[in-house]
Amino acid sequence: SLGKGRYYKETDGLKLDVGAYMKALEYACDVQ
């Protein structure tokens, strides 16, 4: 995973970051 941020800010508000999707794949595949 290229980083593990939870969210970041853009001019129109907060956005989900890569860490949220990383956690989903970790959970589904039982991998760290």
Full PDB file with SEQRES, HELIX, SHEET, SSBOND, CRYST1, ORIGX, SCALE, CONECT and MASTER records, all heavy atoms in Angstrom:
SEQRES   1 A   32  SER LEU GLY LYS GLY ARG TYR TYR LYS GLU THR ASP GLY          
SEQRES   2 A   32  LEU LYS LEU ASP VAL GLY ALA TYR MET LYS ALA LEU GLU          
SEQRES   3 A   32  TYR ALA CYS ASP VAL GLN                                      
HELIX    1 AA1 VAL A   18  CYS A   29  1                                  12    
SHEET    1 AA1 2 TYR A   7  GLU A  10  0                                        
SHEET    2 AA1 2 GLY A  13  LEU A  16 -1                                        
CRYST1    1.000    1.000    1.000  90.00  90.00  90.00 P 1           1          
ORIGX1      1.000000  0.000000  0.000000        0.00000                         
ORIGX2      0.000000  1.000000  0.000000        0.00000                         
ORIGX3      0.000000  0.000000  1.000000        0.00000                         
SCALE1      1.000000  0.000000  0.000000        0.00000                         
SCALE2      0.000000  1.000000  0.000000        0.00000                         
SCALE3      0.000000  0.000000  1.000000        0.00000                         
ATOM      1  N   SER A   1       0.832  -1.190   0.000  1.00  0.00           N  
ATOM      2  CA  SER A   1       0.000   0.000   0.000  1.00  0.00           C  
ATOM      3  C   SER A   1       0.875   1.251   0.000  1.00  0.00           C  
ATOM      4  O   SER A   1       1.777   1.382   0.829  1.00  0.00           O  
ATOM      5  CB  SER A   1      -0.918   0.008   1.228  1.00  0.00           C  
ATOM      6  OG  SER A   1      -1.810   1.096   1.187  1.00  0.00           O  
ATOM      7  N   LEU A   2       0.593   2.160  -0.916  1.00  0.00           N  
ATOM      8  CA  LEU A   2       1.364   3.395  -1.038  1.00  0.00           C  
ATOM      9  C   LEU A   2       0.796   4.417  -0.049  1.00  0.00           C  
ATOM     10  O   LEU A   2       0.063   5.333  -0.413  1.00  0.00           O  
ATOM     11  CB  LEU A   2       1.314   3.914  -2.471  1.00  0.00           C  
ATOM     12  CG  LEU A   2       1.723   2.914  -3.559  1.00  0.00           C  
ATOM     13  CD1 LEU A   2       1.667   3.556  -4.930  1.00  0.00           C  
ATOM     14  CD2 LEU A   2       3.109   2.338  -3.285  1.00  0.00           C  
ATOM     15  N   GLY A   3       1.150   4.248   1.216  1.00  0.00           N  
ATOM     16  CA  GLY A   3       0.598   5.044   2.305  1.00  0.00           C  
ATOM     17  C   GLY A   3      -0.556   4.317   2.961  1.00  0.00           C  
ATOM     18  O   GLY A   3      -1.011   3.271   2.485  1.00  0.00           O  
ATOM     19  N   LYS A   4      -1.052   4.869   4.077  1.00  0.00           N  
ATOM     20  CA  LYS A   4      -2.192   4.284   4.775  1.00  0.00           C  
ATOM     21  C   LYS A   4      -3.093   5.355   5.382  1.00  0.00           C  
ATOM     22  O   LYS A   4      -3.757   5.143   6.390  1.00  0.00           O  
ATOM     23  CB  LYS A   4      -1.722   3.303   5.860  1.00  0.00           C  
ATOM     24  CG  LYS A   4      -0.780   3.899   6.891  1.00  0.00           C  
ATOM     25  CD  LYS A   4      -0.309   2.868   7.910  1.00  0.00           C  
ATOM     26  CE  LYS A   4      -1.323   2.616   8.992  1.00  0.00           C  
ATOM     27  NZ  LYS A   4      -0.778   1.776  10.077  1.00  0.00           N  
ATOM     28  N   GLY A   5      -3.109   6.533   4.748  1.00  0.00           N  
ATOM     29  CA  GLY A   5      -3.943   7.619   5.247  1.00  0.00           C  
ATOM     30  C   GLY A   5      -5.416   7.250   5.263  1.00  0.00           C  
ATOM     31  O   GLY A   5      -5.894   6.505   4.408  1.00  0.00           O  
ATOM     32  N   ARG A   6      -6.139   7.813   6.235  1.00  0.00           N  
ATOM     33  CA  ARG A   6      -7.575   7.553   6.346  1.00  0.00           C  
ATOM     34  C   ARG A   6      -8.379   8.472   5.433  1.00  0.00           C  
ATOM     35  O   ARG A   6      -9.352   8.066   4.813  1.00  0.00           O  
ATOM     36  CB  ARG A   6      -8.033   7.728   7.791  1.00  0.00           C  
ATOM     37  CG  ARG A   6      -7.436   6.704   8.753  1.00  0.00           C  
ATOM     38  CD  ARG A   6      -7.868   6.985  10.181  1.00  0.00           C  
ATOM     39  NE  ARG A   6      -7.357   8.287  10.624  1.00  0.00           N  
ATOM     40  CZ  ARG A   6      -7.834   8.958  11.662  1.00  0.00           C  
ATOM     41  NH1 ARG A   6      -8.855   8.480  12.349  1.00  0.00           N  
ATOM     42  NH2 ARG A   6      -7.302  10.118  12.026  1.00  0.00           N  
ATOM     43  N   TYR A   7      -7.969   9.732   5.387  1.00  0.00           N  
ATOM     44  CA  TYR A   7      -8.668  10.701   4.545  1.00  0.00           C  
ATOM     45  C   TYR A   7      -7.757  11.888   4.304  1.00  0.00           C  
ATOM     46  O   TYR A   7      -6.737  12.056   4.973  1.00  0.00           O  
ATOM     47  CB  TYR A   7      -9.990  11.163   5.187  1.00  0.00           C  
ATOM     48  CG  TYR A   7      -9.842  11.715   6.583  1.00  0.00           C  
ATOM     49  CD1 TYR A   7      -9.523  13.054   6.801  1.00  0.00           C  
ATOM     50  CD2 TYR A   7     -10.016  10.902   7.705  1.00  0.00           C  
ATOM     51  CE1 TYR A   7      -9.369  13.570   8.086  1.00  0.00           C  
ATOM     52  CE2 TYR A   7      -9.866  11.401   8.993  1.00  0.00           C  
ATOM     53  CZ  TYR A   7      -9.548  12.725   9.174  1.00  0.00           C  
ATOM     54  OH  TYR A   7      -9.395  13.228  10.438  1.00  0.00           O  
ATOM     55  N   TYR A   8      -8.112  12.712   3.337  1.00  0.00           N  
ATOM     56  CA  TYR A   8      -7.369  13.940   3.053  1.00  0.00           C  
ATOM     57  C   TYR A   8      -8.386  15.013   2.665  1.00  0.00           C  
ATOM     58  O   TYR A   8      -9.576  14.726   2.467  1.00  0.00           O  
ATOM     59  CB  TYR A   8      -6.319  13.740   1.955  1.00  0.00           C  
ATOM     60  CG  TYR A   8      -6.869  13.237   0.637  1.00  0.00           C  
ATOM     61  CD1 TYR A   8      -7.229  14.114  -0.378  1.00  0.00           C  
ATOM     62  CD2 TYR A   8      -7.011  11.872   0.402  1.00  0.00           C  
ATOM     63  CE1 TYR A   8      -7.724  13.652  -1.582  1.00  0.00           C  
ATOM     64  CE2 TYR A   8      -7.519  11.388  -0.796  1.00  0.00           C  
ATOM     65  CZ  TYR A   8      -7.871  12.284  -1.781  1.00  0.00           C  
ATOM     66  OH  TYR A   8      -8.374  11.815  -2.969  1.00  0.00           O  
ATOM     67  N   LYS A   9      -7.910  16.241   2.574  1.00  0.00           N  
ATOM     68  CA  LYS A   9      -8.819  17.338   2.262  1.00  0.00           C  
ATOM     69  C   LYS A   9      -8.612  17.850   0.843  1.00  0.00           C  
ATOM     70  O   LYS A   9      -7.487  18.079   0.413  1.00  0.00           O  
ATOM     71  CB  LYS A   9      -8.618  18.499   3.237  1.00  0.00           C  
ATOM     72  CG  LYS A   9      -9.598  19.650   3.016  1.00  0.00           C  
ATOM     73  CD  LYS A   9      -9.274  20.852   3.883  1.00  0.00           C  
ATOM     74  CE  LYS A   9     -10.196  22.027   3.567  1.00  0.00           C  
ATOM     75  NZ  LYS A   9      -9.811  23.256   4.274  1.00  0.00           N  
ATOM     76  N   GLU A  10      -9.725  18.012   0.123  1.00  0.00           N  
ATOM     77  CA  GLU A  10      -9.702  18.722  -1.151  1.00  0.00           C  
ATOM     78  C   GLU A  10     -10.521  19.998  -0.981  1.00  0.00           C  
ATOM     79  O   GLU A  10     -11.103  20.238   0.079  1.00  0.00           O  
ATOM     80  CB  GLU A  10     -10.258  17.839  -2.276  1.00  0.00           C  
ATOM     81  CG  GLU A  10      -9.316  16.707  -2.643  1.00  0.00           C  
ATOM     82  CD  GLU A  10      -9.574  16.119  -4.025  1.00  0.00           C  
ATOM     83  OE1 GLU A  10     -10.690  16.298  -4.552  1.00  0.00           O  
ATOM     84  OE2 GLU A  10      -8.646  15.471  -4.558  1.00  0.00           O  
ATOM     85  N   THR A  11     -10.554  20.798  -2.009  1.00  0.00           N  
ATOM     86  CA  THR A  11     -11.224  22.090  -1.889  1.00  0.00           C  
ATOM     87  C   THR A  11     -12.720  21.945  -1.626  1.00  0.00           C  
ATOM     88  O   THR A  11     -13.348  22.851  -1.074  1.00  0.00           O  
ATOM     89  CB  THR A  11     -11.009  22.919  -3.167  1.00  0.00           C  
ATOM     90  OG1 THR A  11     -11.352  22.122  -4.313  1.00  0.00           O  
ATOM     91  CG2 THR A  11      -9.552  23.357  -3.286  1.00  0.00           C  
ATOM     92  N   ASP A  12     -13.315  20.798  -2.002  1.00  0.00           N  
ATOM     93  CA  ASP A  12     -14.744  20.600  -1.775  1.00  0.00           C  
ATOM     94  C   ASP A  12     -15.043  19.721  -0.560  1.00  0.00           C  
ATOM     95  O   ASP A  12     -16.180  19.304  -0.351  1.00  0.00           O  
ATOM     96  CB  ASP A  12     -15.423  20.020  -3.019  1.00  0.00           C  
ATOM     97  CG  ASP A  12     -14.875  18.651  -3.408  1.00  0.00           C  
ATOM     98  OD1 ASP A  12     -13.813  18.252  -2.862  1.00  0.00           O  
ATOM     99  OD2 ASP A  12     -15.492  17.969  -4.245  1.00  0.00           O  
ATOM    100  N   GLY A  13     -14.009  19.430   0.255  1.00  0.00           N  
ATOM    101  CA  GLY A  13     -14.239  18.673   1.486  1.00  0.00           C  
ATOM    102  C   GLY A  13     -13.300  17.493   1.645  1.00  0.00           C  
ATOM    103  O   GLY A  13     -12.356  17.314   0.869  1.00  0.00           O  
ATOM    104  N   LEU A  14     -13.538  16.678   2.672  1.00  0.00           N  
ATOM    105  CA  LEU A  14     -12.694  15.524   2.962  1.00  0.00           C  
ATOM    106  C   LEU A  14     -12.986  14.374   1.999  1.00  0.00           C  
ATOM    107  O   LEU A  14     -14.119  14.172   1.570  1.00  0.00           O  
ATOM    108  CB  LEU A  14     -12.916  15.065   4.403  1.00  0.00           C  
ATOM    109  CG  LEU A  14     -12.561  16.079   5.498  1.00  0.00           C  
ATOM    110  CD1 LEU A  14     -12.908  15.530   6.875  1.00  0.00           C  
ATOM    111  CD2 LEU A  14     -11.085  16.458   5.439  1.00  0.00           C  
ATOM    112  N   LYS A  15     -11.941  13.592   1.697  1.00  0.00           N  
ATOM    113  CA  LYS A  15     -12.056  12.447   0.788  1.00  0.00           C  
ATOM    114  C   LYS A  15     -11.407  11.212   1.424  1.00  0.00           C  
ATOM    115  O   LYS A  15     -10.361  11.329   2.071  1.00  0.00           O  
ATOM    116  CB  LYS A  15     -11.344  12.741  -0.540  1.00  0.00           C  
ATOM    117  CG  LYS A  15     -11.874  13.971  -1.291  1.00  0.00           C  
ATOM    118  CD  LYS A  15     -13.263  13.745  -1.846  1.00  0.00           C  
ATOM    119  CE  LYS A  15     -13.793  14.962  -2.571  1.00  0.00           C  
ATOM    120  NZ  LYS A  15     -13.169  15.183  -3.881  1.00  0.00           N  
ATOM    121  N   LEU A  16     -12.010  10.057   1.207  1.00  0.00           N  
ATOM    122  CA  LEU A  16     -11.404   8.817   1.680  1.00  0.00           C  
ATOM    123  C   LEU A  16     -10.042   8.624   1.039  1.00  0.00           C  
ATOM    124  O   LEU A  16      -9.875   8.840  -0.163  1.00  0.00           O  
ATOM    125  CB  LEU A  16     -12.282   7.616   1.338  1.00  0.00           C  
ATOM    126  CG  LEU A  16     -13.476   7.310   2.247  1.00  0.00           C  
ATOM    127  CD1 LEU A  16     -14.266   6.135   1.664  1.00  0.00           C  
ATOM    128  CD2 LEU A  16     -13.017   6.991   3.664  1.00  0.00           C  
ATOM    129  N   ASP A  17      -9.085   8.155   1.833  1.00  0.00           N  
ATOM    130  CA  ASP A  17      -7.737   7.922   1.322  1.00  0.00           C  
ATOM    131  C   ASP A  17      -7.492   6.420   1.176  1.00  0.00           C  
ATOM    132  O   ASP A  17      -8.339   5.580   1.537  1.00  0.00           O  
ATOM    133  CB  ASP A  17      -6.713   8.558   2.268  1.00  0.00           C  
ATOM    134  CG  ASP A  17      -5.382   8.861   1.585  1.00  0.00           C  
ATOM    135  OD1 ASP A  17      -5.180   8.431   0.425  1.00  0.00           O  
ATOM    136  OD2 ASP A  17      -4.546   9.531   2.211  1.00  0.00           O  
ATOM    137  N   VAL A  18      -6.306   6.079   0.715  1.00  0.00           N  
ATOM    138  CA  VAL A  18      -5.964   4.693   0.379  1.00  0.00           C  
ATOM    139  C   VAL A  18      -6.072   3.752   1.575  1.00  0.00           C  
ATOM    140  O   VAL A  18      -6.370   2.559   1.417  1.00  0.00           O  
ATOM    141  CB  VAL A  18      -4.543   4.627  -0.239  1.00  0.00           C  
ATOM    142  CG1 VAL A  18      -3.475   5.069   0.753  1.00  0.00           C  
ATOM    143  CG2 VAL A  18      -4.235   3.240  -0.767  1.00  0.00           C  
ATOM    144  N   GLY A  19      -5.849   4.264   2.797  1.00  0.00           N  
ATOM    145  CA  GLY A  19      -5.870   3.396   3.971  1.00  0.00           C  
ATOM    146  C   GLY A  19      -7.191   2.697   4.180  1.00  0.00           C  
ATOM    147  O   GLY A  19      -7.246   1.545   4.662  1.00  0.00           O  
ATOM    148  N   ALA A  20      -8.298   3.350   3.821  1.00  0.00           N  
ATOM    149  CA  ALA A  20      -9.615   2.733   3.987  1.00  0.00           C  
ATOM    150  C   ALA A  20      -9.755   1.497   3.100  1.00  0.00           C  
ATOM    151  O   ALA A  20     -10.296   0.467   3.515  1.00  0.00           O  
ATOM    152  CB  ALA A  20     -10.706   3.750   3.662  1.00  0.00           C  
ATOM    153  N   TYR A  21      -9.255   1.580   1.873  1.00  0.00           N  
ATOM    154  CA  TYR A  21      -9.338   0.466   0.929  1.00  0.00           C  
ATOM    155  C   TYR A  21      -8.307  -0.605   1.287  1.00  0.00           C  
ATOM    156  O   TYR A  21      -8.558  -1.800   1.104  1.00  0.00           O  
ATOM    157  CB  TYR A  21      -9.135   0.971  -0.491  1.00  0.00           C  
ATOM    158  CG  TYR A  21     -10.137   2.045  -0.859  1.00  0.00           C  
ATOM    159  CD1 TYR A  21      -9.826   3.405  -0.719  1.00  0.00           C  
ATOM    160  CD2 TYR A  21     -11.407   1.715  -1.306  1.00  0.00           C  
ATOM    161  CE1 TYR A  21     -10.747   4.385  -1.043  1.00  0.00           C  
ATOM    162  CE2 TYR A  21     -12.338   2.693  -1.625  1.00  0.00           C  
ATOM    163  CZ  TYR A  21     -12.002   4.029  -1.482  1.00  0.00           C  
ATOM    164  OH  TYR A  21     -12.919   5.000  -1.783  1.00  0.00           O  
ATOM    165  N   MET A  22      -7.161  -0.175   1.794  1.00  0.00           N  
ATOM    166  CA  MET A  22      -6.150  -1.120   2.274  1.00  0.00           C  
ATOM    167  C   MET A  22      -6.729  -2.003   3.374  1.00  0.00           C  
ATOM    168  O   MET A  22      -6.566  -3.231   3.363  1.00  0.00           O  
ATOM    169  CB  MET A  22      -4.939  -0.357   2.805  1.00  0.00           C  
ATOM    170  CG  MET A  22      -3.834  -1.222   3.370  1.00  0.00           C  
ATOM    171  SD  MET A  22      -2.646  -0.273   4.365  1.00  0.00           S  
ATOM    172  CE  MET A  22      -3.506  -0.266   5.959  1.00  0.00           C  
ATOM    173  N   LYS A  23      -7.430  -1.387   4.321  1.00  0.00           N  
ATOM    174  CA  LYS A  23      -8.014  -2.137   5.431  1.00  0.00           C  
ATOM    175  C   LYS A  23      -9.065  -3.125   4.938  1.00  0.00           C  
ATOM    176  O   LYS A  23      -9.187  -4.241   5.473  1.00  0.00           O  
ATOM    177  CB  LYS A  23      -8.629  -1.179   6.453  1.00  0.00           C  
ATOM    178  CG  LYS A  23      -7.607  -0.423   7.286  1.00  0.00           C  
ATOM    179  CD  LYS A  23      -6.834  -1.365   8.205  1.00  0.00           C  
ATOM    180  CE  LYS A  23      -5.886  -0.624   9.128  1.00  0.00           C  
ATOM    181  NZ  LYS A  23      -5.105  -1.543   9.989  1.00  0.00           N  
ATOM    182  N   ALA A  24      -9.838  -2.742   3.927  1.00  0.00           N  
ATOM    183  CA  ALA A  24     -10.847  -3.648   3.382  1.00  0.00           C  
ATOM    184  C   ALA A  24     -10.201  -4.907   2.803  1.00  0.00           C  
ATOM    185  O   ALA A  24     -10.658  -6.030   3.051  1.00  0.00           O  
ATOM    186  CB  ALA A  24     -11.668  -2.931   2.308  1.00  0.00           C  
ATOM    187  N   LEU A  25      -9.118  -4.727   2.032  1.00  0.00           N  
ATOM    188  CA  LEU A  25      -8.435  -5.876   1.444  1.00  0.00           C  
ATOM    189  C   LEU A  25      -7.715  -6.702   2.507  1.00  0.00           C  
ATOM    190  O   LEU A  25      -7.667  -7.933   2.421  1.00  0.00           O  
ATOM    191  CB  LEU A  25      -7.469  -5.414   0.352  1.00  0.00           C  
ATOM    192  CG  LEU A  25      -8.127  -4.883  -0.928  1.00  0.00           C  
ATOM    193  CD1 LEU A  25      -7.077  -4.301  -1.871  1.00  0.00           C  
ATOM    194  CD2 LEU A  25      -8.915  -5.987  -1.629  1.00  0.00           C  
ATOM    195  N   GLU A  26      -7.143  -6.037   3.499  1.00  0.00           N  
ATOM    196  CA  GLU A  26      -6.517  -6.773   4.601  1.00  0.00           C  
ATOM    197  C   GLU A  26      -7.535  -7.699   5.274  1.00  0.00           C  
ATOM    198  O   GLU A  26      -7.259  -8.870   5.544  1.00  0.00           O  
ATOM    199  CB  GLU A  26      -5.958  -5.795   5.645  1.00  0.00           C  
ATOM    200  CG  GLU A  26      -4.640  -5.149   5.281  1.00  0.00           C  
ATOM    201  CD  GLU A  26      -4.079  -4.301   6.415  1.00  0.00           C  
ATOM    202  OE1 GLU A  26      -4.873  -3.751   7.220  1.00  0.00           O  
ATOM    203  OE2 GLU A  26      -2.838  -4.187   6.520  1.00  0.00           O  
ATOM    204  N   TYR A  27      -8.694  -7.140   5.556  1.00  0.00           N  
ATOM    205  CA  TYR A  27      -9.738  -7.904   6.254  1.00  0.00           C  
ATOM    206  C   TYR A  27     -10.248  -9.059   5.397  1.00  0.00           C  
ATOM    207  O   TYR A  27     -10.362 -10.198   5.867  1.00  0.00           O  
ATOM    208  CB  TYR A  27     -10.892  -6.963   6.623  1.00  0.00           C  
ATOM    209  CG  TYR A  27     -12.060  -7.643   7.295  1.00  0.00           C  
ATOM    210  CD1 TYR A  27     -11.942  -8.149   8.590  1.00  0.00           C  
ATOM    211  CD2 TYR A  27     -13.281  -7.772   6.637  1.00  0.00           C  
ATOM    212  CE1 TYR A  27     -13.011  -8.776   9.210  1.00  0.00           C  
ATOM    213  CE2 TYR A  27     -14.357  -8.398   7.245  1.00  0.00           C  
ATOM    214  CZ  TYR A  27     -14.219  -8.888   8.535  1.00  0.00           C  
ATOM    215  OH  TYR A  27     -15.283  -9.516   9.142  1.00  0.00           O  
ATOM    216  N   ALA A  28     -10.529  -8.777   4.126  1.00  0.00           N  
ATOM    217  CA  ALA A  28     -11.102  -9.790   3.251  1.00  0.00           C  
ATOM    218  C   ALA A  28     -10.132 -10.930   2.976  1.00  0.00           C  
ATOM    219  O   ALA A  28     -10.538 -12.089   2.845  1.00  0.00           O  
ATOM    220  CB  ALA A  28     -11.548  -9.152   1.937  1.00  0.00           C  
ATOM    221  N   CYS A  29      -8.836 -10.605   2.882  1.00  0.00           N  
ATOM    222  CA  CYS A  29      -7.828 -11.604   2.487  1.00  0.00           C  
ATOM    223  C   CYS A  29      -7.010 -12.124   3.656  1.00  0.00           C  
ATOM    224  O   CYS A  29      -6.114 -12.958   3.460  1.00  0.00           O  
ATOM    225  CB  CYS A  29      -6.891 -11.004   1.439  1.00  0.00           C  
ATOM    226  SG  CYS A  29      -7.733 -10.419  -0.040  1.00  0.00           S  
ATOM    227  N   ASP A  30      -7.277 -11.625   4.843  1.00  0.00           N  
ATOM    228  CA  ASP A  30      -6.526 -12.022   6.034  1.00  0.00           C  
ATOM    229  C   ASP A  30      -5.021 -11.850   5.800  1.00  0.00           C  
ATOM    230  O   ASP A  30      -4.225 -12.765   5.998  1.00  0.00           O  
ATOM    231  CB  ASP A  30      -6.845 -13.469   6.437  1.00  0.00           C  
ATOM    232  CG  ASP A  30      -6.345 -13.806   7.835  1.00  0.00           C  
ATOM    233  OD1 ASP A  30      -6.163 -12.874   8.646  1.00  0.00           O  
ATOM    234  OD2 ASP A  30      -6.129 -15.007   8.119  1.00  0.00           O  
ATOM    235  N   VAL A  31      -4.660 -10.649   5.360  1.00  0.00           N  
ATOM    236  CA  VAL A  31      -3.266 -10.335   5.059  1.00  0.00           C  
ATOM    237  C   VAL A  31      -2.931  -8.985   5.661  1.00  0.00           C  
ATOM    238  O   VAL A  31      -3.826  -8.152   5.851  1.00  0.00           O  
ATOM    239  CB  VAL A  31      -3.043 -10.307   3.516  1.00  0.00           C  
ATOM    240  CG1 VAL A  31      -3.867  -9.218   2.858  1.00  0.00           C  
ATOM    241  CG2 VAL A  31      -1.573 -10.130   3.165  1.00  0.00           C  
ATOM    242  N   GLN A  32      -1.674  -8.777   6.005  1.00  0.00           N  
ATOM    243  CA  GLN A  32      -1.234  -7.471   6.497  1.00  0.00           C  
ATOM    244  C   GLN A  32      -0.463  -6.771   5.400  1.00  0.00           C  
ATOM    245  O   GLN A  32       0.521  -7.303   4.875  1.00  0.00           O  
ATOM    246  CB  GLN A  32      -0.371  -7.604   7.751  1.00  0.00           C  
ATOM    247  CG  GLN A  32       0.022  -6.246   8.342  1.00  0.00           C  
ATOM    248  CD  GLN A  32       0.673  -6.371   9.707  1.00  0.00           C  
ATOM    249  OE1 GLN A  32       0.674  -7.433  10.315  1.00  0.00           O  
ATOM    250  NE2 GLN A  32       1.232  -5.277  10.187  1.00  0.00           N  
TER     251      GLN A  32                                                      
MASTER        0    0    0    1    2    0    0    6  250    1    0    3          
END                                                                             
